[in-house]
Amino acid sequence: MMRLTFEGFLGSYVKYLSGENTLALPRLVRLLSTEPRLVEPLVLWAVTTGRGGRLAWLVKDDDALASEVGLVGRLASEGRLESVLDSADPLLRPEYSKVRRSYVARRNAPARDARLKLDARARVLTLMAEKGMSQYRMAKDLGLNPGNLNAFLVQGDSRKLGLDKAYALVRYLEAA
């Protein structure tokens, strides 16, 4: 699986916030008045994809937005944009850092979920030993694939069960 990039995240985030399946700048600029949450992701996306100049030209009548595009573009050309976003530098409005934090949370989600599943696995193993529950009984009662359950519990392969199923195991054993 490919790792999520900031540019890729911004593209999908802009599409999501606009409610349109497009990255056409003129169309997105027209939406800015009705979709204010779109401003920061759009500026960041345009700058990171090399379309900052085009966006600045399209918003030239809005002096504040045009200067923001110029500032973000300058930070990107100096190679400081990501560090400014990560440090929540007052140079940019806090909404820009919020977009970056959303990206970091989405990028790190698979590793976080794997850790949570392994924590649930440890709890399941403890409860299984306490209650004398077999893997077979749990698989049957919860409708789980016995092979996947075994790989999850014995080998610690967090890819074999989803987070919801791992927590369902814990709830099942706590209630038993």
Protein backbone atom coordinates (compact mmCIF):
# COMPACT_ATOMS: atom_id res chain seq x y z
CA MET A 1 0.00 0.00 0.00
CA MET A 2 1.34 3.43 -0.95
CA ARG A 3 1.92 5.95 1.80
CA LEU A 4 -0.35 9.00 1.71
CA THR A 5 1.39 12.19 0.56
CA PHE A 6 0.48 15.72 1.59
CA GLU A 7 -0.28 16.60 -2.03
CA GLY A 8 -2.51 13.54 -2.47
CA PHE A 9 -4.33 14.25 0.78
CA LEU A 10 -4.92 17.87 -0.22
CA GLY A 11 -6.36 16.87 -3.58
CA SER A 12 -8.87 14.49 -2.05
CA TYR A 13 -9.65 16.93 0.79
CA VAL A 14 -10.35 19.77 -1.66
CA LYS A 15 -12.68 17.52 -3.65
CA TYR A 16 -14.44 16.45 -0.46
CA LEU A 17 -14.90 19.97 0.92
CA SER A 18 -16.05 21.37 -2.42
CA GLY A 19 -18.64 18.64 -2.87
CA GLU A 20 -17.49 18.37 -6.46
CA ASN A 21 -15.36 15.73 -8.08
CA THR A 22 -13.02 18.24 -9.65
CA LEU A 23 -9.76 20.04 -9.11
CA ALA A 24 -10.46 22.69 -11.76
CA LEU A 25 -9.28 25.94 -10.20
CA PRO A 26 -11.83 28.30 -11.80
CA ARG A 27 -14.69 26.13 -10.60
CA LEU A 28 -13.21 25.80 -7.10
CA VAL A 29 -12.55 29.56 -6.83
CA ARG A 30 -16.25 30.21 -7.55
CA LEU A 31 -17.12 27.98 -4.56
CA LEU A 32 -14.95 29.88 -2.07
CA SER A 33 -17.71 32.34 -1.15
CA THR A 34 -20.12 29.54 -0.21
CA GLU A 35 -17.56 27.04 1.14
CA PRO A 36 -15.23 29.01 3.47
CA ARG A 37 -13.57 25.83 4.82
CA LEU A 38 -12.24 25.23 1.30
CA VAL A 39 -9.90 28.25 1.31
CA GLU A 40 -6.89 26.87 3.20
CA PRO A 41 -6.84 23.38 1.66
CA LEU A 42 -7.25 24.90 -1.81
CA VAL A 43 -4.40 27.37 -1.29
CA LEU A 44 -2.12 24.62 0.05
CA TRP A 45 -3.06 22.24 -2.77
CA ALA A 46 -2.54 24.86 -5.46
CA VAL A 47 0.87 25.83 -4.09
CA THR A 48 2.11 22.25 -3.52
CA THR A 49 1.08 21.23 -7.04
CA GLY A 50 2.65 24.24 -8.76
CA ARG A 51 -0.66 25.97 -9.46
CA GLY A 52 -0.17 28.80 -6.96
CA GLY A 53 0.44 31.40 -9.66
CA ARG A 54 -2.76 30.44 -11.46
CA LEU A 55 -4.73 30.59 -8.20
CA ALA A 56 -3.23 34.00 -7.36
CA TRP A 57 -4.32 35.26 -10.78
CA LEU A 58 -7.85 33.87 -10.33
CA VAL A 59 -8.27 35.56 -6.92
CA LYS A 60 -6.49 38.81 -7.81
CA ASP A 61 -9.60 40.84 -6.91
CA ASP A 62 -9.48 39.53 -3.32
CA ASP A 63 -6.34 41.23 -1.96
CA ALA A 64 -6.25 39.29 1.32
CA LEU A 65 -6.54 35.90 -0.38
CA ALA A 66 -4.07 36.83 -3.11
CA SER A 67 -1.51 37.86 -0.49
CA GLU A 68 -2.09 34.57 1.40
CA VAL A 69 -1.44 32.62 -1.80
CA GLY A 70 1.74 34.63 -2.30
CA LEU A 71 2.90 34.03 1.29
CA VAL A 72 2.22 30.29 1.15
CA GLY A 73 3.94 30.13 -2.24
CA ARG A 74 6.98 31.96 -0.91
CA LEU A 75 7.21 29.63 2.11
CA ALA A 76 6.97 26.61 -0.22
CA SER A 77 9.67 27.93 -2.55
CA GLU A 78 11.95 28.50 0.45
CA GLY A 79 11.27 24.92 1.61
CA ARG A 80 9.77 26.14 4.90
CA LEU A 81 6.07 25.49 4.34
CA GLU A 82 5.80 22.14 6.13
CA SER A 83 7.86 23.28 9.11
CA VAL A 84 5.74 26.44 9.46
CA LEU A 85 2.56 24.33 9.28
CA ASP A 86 3.88 21.78 11.79
CA SER A 87 4.95 24.44 14.28
CA ALA A 88 1.67 26.39 14.02
CA ASP A 89 3.75 29.50 13.31
CA PRO A 90 1.65 32.70 13.63
CA LEU A 91 2.91 33.65 10.16
CA LEU A 92 -0.10 31.72 8.80
CA ARG A 93 -3.64 31.54 10.12
CA PRO A 94 -4.28 28.51 12.41
CA GLU A 95 -6.58 26.95 9.80
CA TYR A 96 -3.51 26.10 7.69
CA SER A 97 -1.97 24.13 10.55
CA LYS A 98 -5.31 22.40 11.10
CA VAL A 99 -5.19 21.09 7.52
CA ARG A 100 -1.68 19.77 8.14
CA ARG A 101 -2.76 18.07 11.39
CA SER A 102 -5.64 16.41 9.54
CA TYR A 103 -3.17 15.07 7.00
CA VAL A 104 -0.81 13.75 9.70
CA ALA A 105 -3.71 12.04 11.50
CA ARG A 106 -4.88 10.38 8.26
CA ARG A 107 -1.32 9.40 7.28
CA ASN A 108 -0.65 7.82 10.68
CA ALA A 109 -4.05 6.08 11.00
CA PRO A 110 -2.92 2.62 9.80
CA ALA A 111 -0.07 2.48 12.34
CA ARG A 112 -2.35 3.76 15.10
CA ASP A 113 -5.01 1.17 14.25
CA ALA A 114 -2.40 -1.62 14.23
CA ARG A 115 -1.26 -0.58 17.73
CA LEU A 116 -4.85 -0.49 18.98
CA LYS A 117 -5.54 -3.94 17.53
CA LEU A 118 -2.44 -5.36 19.19
CA ASP A 119 -3.53 -3.82 22.51
CA ALA A 120 -6.93 -5.47 22.05
CA ARG A 121 -5.13 -8.76 21.22
CA ALA A 122 -3.24 -8.61 24.53
CA ARG A 123 -6.51 -8.05 26.39
CA VAL A 124 -8.18 -10.92 24.49
CA LEU A 125 -5.34 -13.31 25.33
CA THR A 126 -5.59 -12.39 29.01
CA LEU A 127 -9.36 -12.83 29.05
CA MET A 128 -9.14 -16.12 27.14
CA ALA A 129 -6.78 -17.52 29.76
CA GLU A 130 -8.97 -16.27 32.63
CA LYS A 131 -12.23 -17.58 31.21
CA GLY A 132 -10.95 -20.71 29.47
CA MET A 133 -12.48 -19.71 26.15
CA SER A 134 -11.36 -21.45 22.95
CA GLN A 135 -10.59 -19.77 19.65
CA TYR A 136 -13.08 -22.06 17.96
CA ARG A 137 -15.95 -20.93 20.25
CA MET A 138 -15.11 -17.25 19.73
CA ALA A 139 -14.88 -17.67 15.95
CA LYS A 140 -18.24 -19.46 15.81
CA ASP A 141 -20.05 -17.08 18.15
CA LEU A 142 -18.73 -13.94 16.43
CA GLY A 143 -18.79 -15.26 12.86
CA LEU A 144 -15.05 -14.80 12.38
CA ASN A 145 -12.80 -16.71 10.00
CA PRO A 146 -10.97 -19.22 12.27
CA GLY A 147 -7.73 -18.92 10.28
CA ASN A 148 -7.71 -15.14 10.53
CA LEU A 149 -8.52 -15.29 14.23
CA ASN A 150 -5.66 -17.74 14.79
CA ALA A 151 -3.20 -15.57 12.85
CA PHE A 152 -4.30 -12.55 14.85
CA LEU A 153 -4.06 -14.23 18.24
CA VAL A 154 -1.11 -16.59 17.81
CA GLN A 155 1.10 -14.70 15.35
CA GLY A 156 0.02 -11.17 16.26
CA ASP A 157 -0.83 -10.32 12.63
CA SER A 158 -2.90 -7.16 13.03
CA ARG A 159 -3.87 -7.21 9.33
CA LYS A 160 -6.06 -10.30 9.83
CA LEU A 161 -8.82 -8.57 11.82
CA GLY A 162 -10.34 -5.14 11.59
CA LEU A 163 -10.36 -2.82 14.57
CA ASP A 164 -14.09 -3.33 15.04
CA LYS A 165 -13.69 -7.13 15.16
CA ALA A 166 -10.77 -6.88 17.60
CA TYR A 167 -12.88 -4.80 19.96
CA ALA A 168 -15.85 -7.13 19.43
CA LEU A 169 -13.63 -9.95 20.73
CA VAL A 170 -12.81 -7.95 23.85
CA ARG A 171 -16.47 -7.10 24.49
CA TYR A 172 -17.48 -10.72 23.90
CA LEU A 173 -14.94 -12.03 26.41
CA GLU A 174 -15.71 -9.36 28.98
CA ALA A 175 -19.39 -10.28 28.81
CA ALA A 176 -18.74 -14.05 28.94
